[in-house]
N, C-alpha and C. Protein backbone atom coordinates (compact mmCIF):
# COMPACT_ATOMS: atom_id res chain seq x y z
N MET A 1 -21.95 -10.58 -40.47
CA MET A 1 -20.63 -10.39 -39.93
C MET A 1 -19.68 -11.47 -40.46
N ARG A 2 -20.19 -12.70 -40.56
CA ARG A 2 -19.36 -13.78 -41.10
C ARG A 2 -18.97 -13.50 -42.54
N LEU A 3 -19.89 -12.92 -43.29
CA LEU A 3 -19.62 -12.60 -44.68
C LEU A 3 -18.51 -11.57 -44.79
N LEU A 4 -18.54 -10.56 -43.96
CA LEU A 4 -17.51 -9.52 -43.97
C LEU A 4 -16.15 -10.10 -43.62
N ILE A 5 -16.11 -10.92 -42.59
CA ILE A 5 -14.84 -11.55 -42.20
C ILE A 5 -14.33 -12.46 -43.32
N SER A 6 -15.23 -13.20 -43.94
CA SER A 6 -14.85 -14.07 -45.05
C SER A 6 -14.27 -13.28 -46.21
N LEU A 7 -14.90 -12.16 -46.54
CA LEU A 7 -14.40 -11.33 -47.63
C LEU A 7 -13.04 -10.74 -47.32
N LEU A 8 -12.84 -10.33 -46.08
CA LEU A 8 -11.53 -9.80 -45.68
C LEU A 8 -10.44 -10.86 -45.76
N VAL A 9 -10.75 -12.07 -45.32
CA VAL A 9 -9.77 -13.16 -45.38
C VAL A 9 -9.46 -13.51 -46.83
N ILE A 10 -10.47 -13.56 -47.67
CA ILE A 10 -10.26 -13.86 -49.08
C ILE A 10 -9.40 -12.78 -49.73
N ALA A 11 -9.70 -11.52 -49.45
CA ALA A 11 -8.91 -10.41 -50.01
C ALA A 11 -7.47 -10.48 -49.53
N TYR A 12 -7.27 -10.85 -48.29
CA TYR A 12 -5.91 -10.96 -47.75
C TYR A 12 -5.13 -12.04 -48.50
N PHE A 13 -5.74 -13.21 -48.68
CA PHE A 13 -5.04 -14.29 -49.36
C PHE A 13 -4.84 -14.01 -50.84
N VAL A 14 -5.74 -13.30 -51.47
CA VAL A 14 -5.54 -12.88 -52.85
C VAL A 14 -4.33 -11.94 -52.92
N GLY A 15 -4.22 -11.03 -51.97
CA GLY A 15 -3.08 -10.13 -51.92
C GLY A 15 -1.77 -10.88 -51.73
N VAL A 16 -1.78 -11.90 -50.89
CA VAL A 16 -0.57 -12.72 -50.70
C VAL A 16 -0.20 -13.39 -52.01
N GLY A 17 -1.18 -13.90 -52.72
CA GLY A 17 -0.91 -14.52 -54.02
C GLY A 17 -0.37 -13.54 -55.03
N VAL A 18 -0.88 -12.33 -55.02
CA VAL A 18 -0.41 -11.31 -55.96
C VAL A 18 1.05 -10.95 -55.67
N VAL A 19 1.40 -10.85 -54.40
CA VAL A 19 2.78 -10.52 -54.04
C VAL A 19 3.72 -11.67 -54.37
N LEU A 20 3.28 -12.90 -54.20
CA LEU A 20 4.13 -14.06 -54.48
C LEU A 20 4.19 -14.43 -55.96
N ALA A 21 3.28 -13.91 -56.77
CA ALA A 21 3.20 -14.31 -58.18
C ALA A 21 4.50 -14.12 -58.95
N PRO A 22 5.19 -12.97 -58.85
CA PRO A 22 6.44 -12.83 -59.60
C PRO A 22 7.51 -13.86 -59.19
N THR A 23 7.59 -14.16 -57.91
CA THR A 23 8.56 -15.15 -57.44
C THR A 23 8.22 -16.53 -57.96
N ILE A 24 6.95 -16.87 -57.92
CA ILE A 24 6.53 -18.19 -58.40
C ILE A 24 6.74 -18.29 -59.90
N LYS A 25 6.41 -17.24 -60.63
CA LYS A 25 6.58 -17.27 -62.09
C LYS A 25 8.06 -17.39 -62.47
N ALA A 26 8.92 -16.69 -61.76
CA ALA A 26 10.34 -16.70 -62.10
C ALA A 26 11.01 -18.03 -61.74
N ASN A 27 10.53 -18.71 -60.73
CA ASN A 27 11.21 -19.91 -60.24
C ASN A 27 10.45 -21.20 -60.48
N TRP A 28 9.36 -21.16 -61.21
CA TRP A 28 8.51 -22.34 -61.37
C TRP A 28 9.25 -23.50 -62.04
N SER A 29 9.93 -23.23 -63.12
CA SER A 29 10.57 -24.33 -63.86
C SER A 29 12.06 -24.09 -64.08
N THR A 30 12.66 -23.22 -63.30
CA THR A 30 14.08 -22.92 -63.52
C THR A 30 15.03 -23.75 -62.67
N GLY A 31 14.54 -24.45 -61.68
CA GLY A 31 15.44 -25.23 -60.83
C GLY A 31 14.69 -26.32 -60.11
N PRO A 32 15.39 -26.95 -59.17
CA PRO A 32 14.73 -28.02 -58.42
C PRO A 32 13.68 -27.49 -57.45
N ALA A 33 12.87 -28.41 -56.96
CA ALA A 33 11.78 -28.04 -56.06
C ALA A 33 12.30 -27.41 -54.78
N SER A 34 13.45 -27.82 -54.32
CA SER A 34 14.00 -27.24 -53.08
C SER A 34 14.35 -25.78 -53.28
N GLN A 35 14.86 -25.43 -54.44
CA GLN A 35 15.19 -24.03 -54.73
C GLN A 35 13.90 -23.21 -54.86
N PHE A 36 12.89 -23.78 -55.46
CA PHE A 36 11.59 -23.11 -55.57
C PHE A 36 11.00 -22.85 -54.19
N ALA A 37 11.01 -23.87 -53.34
CA ALA A 37 10.46 -23.71 -51.99
C ALA A 37 11.26 -22.69 -51.19
N GLU A 38 12.56 -22.67 -51.38
CA GLU A 38 13.40 -21.70 -50.67
C GLU A 38 13.09 -20.27 -51.11
N SER A 39 12.90 -20.06 -52.40
CA SER A 39 12.60 -18.71 -52.88
C SER A 39 11.22 -18.24 -52.41
N VAL A 40 10.25 -19.14 -52.38
CA VAL A 40 8.92 -18.79 -51.89
C VAL A 40 8.98 -18.51 -50.39
N ALA A 41 9.72 -19.32 -49.65
CA ALA A 41 9.84 -19.12 -48.20
C ALA A 41 10.55 -17.81 -47.89
N THR A 42 11.48 -17.41 -48.74
CA THR A 42 12.19 -16.14 -48.54
C THR A 42 11.25 -14.96 -48.73
N GLU A 43 10.35 -15.04 -49.70
CA GLU A 43 9.43 -13.95 -49.99
C GLU A 43 8.16 -13.97 -49.15
N LEU A 44 7.91 -15.05 -48.45
CA LEU A 44 6.66 -15.19 -47.70
C LEU A 44 6.44 -14.12 -46.63
N PRO A 45 7.44 -13.74 -45.82
CA PRO A 45 7.18 -12.69 -44.84
C PRO A 45 6.75 -11.36 -45.47
N ARG A 46 7.38 -10.99 -46.58
CA ARG A 46 6.98 -9.76 -47.28
C ARG A 46 5.58 -9.89 -47.85
N ALA A 47 5.25 -11.08 -48.33
CA ALA A 47 3.92 -11.29 -48.90
C ALA A 47 2.84 -11.23 -47.83
N LEU A 48 3.14 -11.77 -46.66
CA LEU A 48 2.14 -11.76 -45.58
C LEU A 48 1.95 -10.37 -45.00
N ALA A 49 2.92 -9.49 -45.21
CA ALA A 49 2.83 -8.13 -44.67
C ALA A 49 2.37 -7.13 -45.73
N TRP A 50 1.72 -7.58 -46.79
CA TRP A 50 1.34 -6.67 -47.86
C TRP A 50 0.38 -5.57 -47.41
N PRO A 51 -0.52 -5.78 -46.45
CA PRO A 51 -1.37 -4.65 -46.04
C PRO A 51 -0.57 -3.49 -45.46
N ALA A 52 0.49 -3.80 -44.70
CA ALA A 52 1.32 -2.74 -44.13
C ALA A 52 2.07 -1.99 -45.23
N ALA A 53 2.54 -2.71 -46.23
CA ALA A 53 3.25 -2.05 -47.34
C ALA A 53 2.31 -1.14 -48.13
N VAL A 54 1.09 -1.58 -48.33
CA VAL A 54 0.12 -0.75 -49.05
C VAL A 54 -0.21 0.50 -48.23
N TYR A 55 -0.39 0.32 -46.93
CA TYR A 55 -0.69 1.46 -46.07
C TYR A 55 0.46 2.47 -46.10
N ARG A 56 1.69 1.99 -45.99
CA ARG A 56 2.84 2.90 -46.02
C ARG A 56 2.94 3.63 -47.35
N SER A 57 2.67 2.94 -48.44
CA SER A 57 2.76 3.60 -49.74
C SER A 57 1.69 4.67 -49.90
N ILE A 58 0.53 4.45 -49.32
CA ILE A 58 -0.54 5.45 -49.37
C ILE A 58 -0.23 6.61 -48.43
N ALA A 59 0.26 6.30 -47.25
CA ALA A 59 0.52 7.34 -46.24
C ALA A 59 1.69 8.23 -46.60
N GLU A 60 2.63 7.76 -47.40
CA GLU A 60 3.81 8.54 -47.75
C GLU A 60 3.61 9.41 -48.98
N LYS A 61 2.48 9.32 -49.63
CA LYS A 61 2.24 10.14 -50.82
C LYS A 61 2.04 11.59 -50.40
N PRO A 62 2.50 12.54 -51.22
CA PRO A 62 2.33 13.94 -50.87
C PRO A 62 0.87 14.39 -50.81
N SER A 63 -0.01 13.69 -51.48
CA SER A 63 -1.42 14.08 -51.47
C SER A 63 -2.13 13.65 -50.20
N ALA A 64 -1.46 12.84 -49.38
CA ALA A 64 -2.06 12.39 -48.14
C ALA A 64 -2.13 13.54 -47.14
N PRO A 65 -3.12 13.53 -46.29
CA PRO A 65 -3.22 14.60 -45.28
C PRO A 65 -2.03 14.55 -44.33
N GLU A 66 -1.67 15.70 -43.80
CA GLU A 66 -0.53 15.77 -42.90
C GLU A 66 -0.86 15.12 -41.57
N LYS A 67 0.16 14.49 -40.99
CA LYS A 67 0.00 13.86 -39.68
C LYS A 67 0.18 14.93 -38.61
N ARG A 68 -0.60 14.85 -37.57
CA ARG A 68 -0.49 15.84 -36.48
C ARG A 68 0.09 15.21 -35.25
C-alpha cells in the first residue's frame, strides 16, 4: 500500500513539473528572480490542479460514454 501511495505522489509531482516546465523555460533567464518567482507562483494553482484538467479533457471528448 505504501508503494502505491508513493507512486501516486511521484506521478502527481511529475505532472506538476510537466505543467510548470513551459513557464520555467520561458522565464529562467529573461528577468530577475522576483519576476521568475512571480510567474511560477501565478501558474502554480493551475499546475497543482492538473489531474482535474486531464479528467475534464478526457470526459469532454465525443468518444467518452454519455453521462446519465
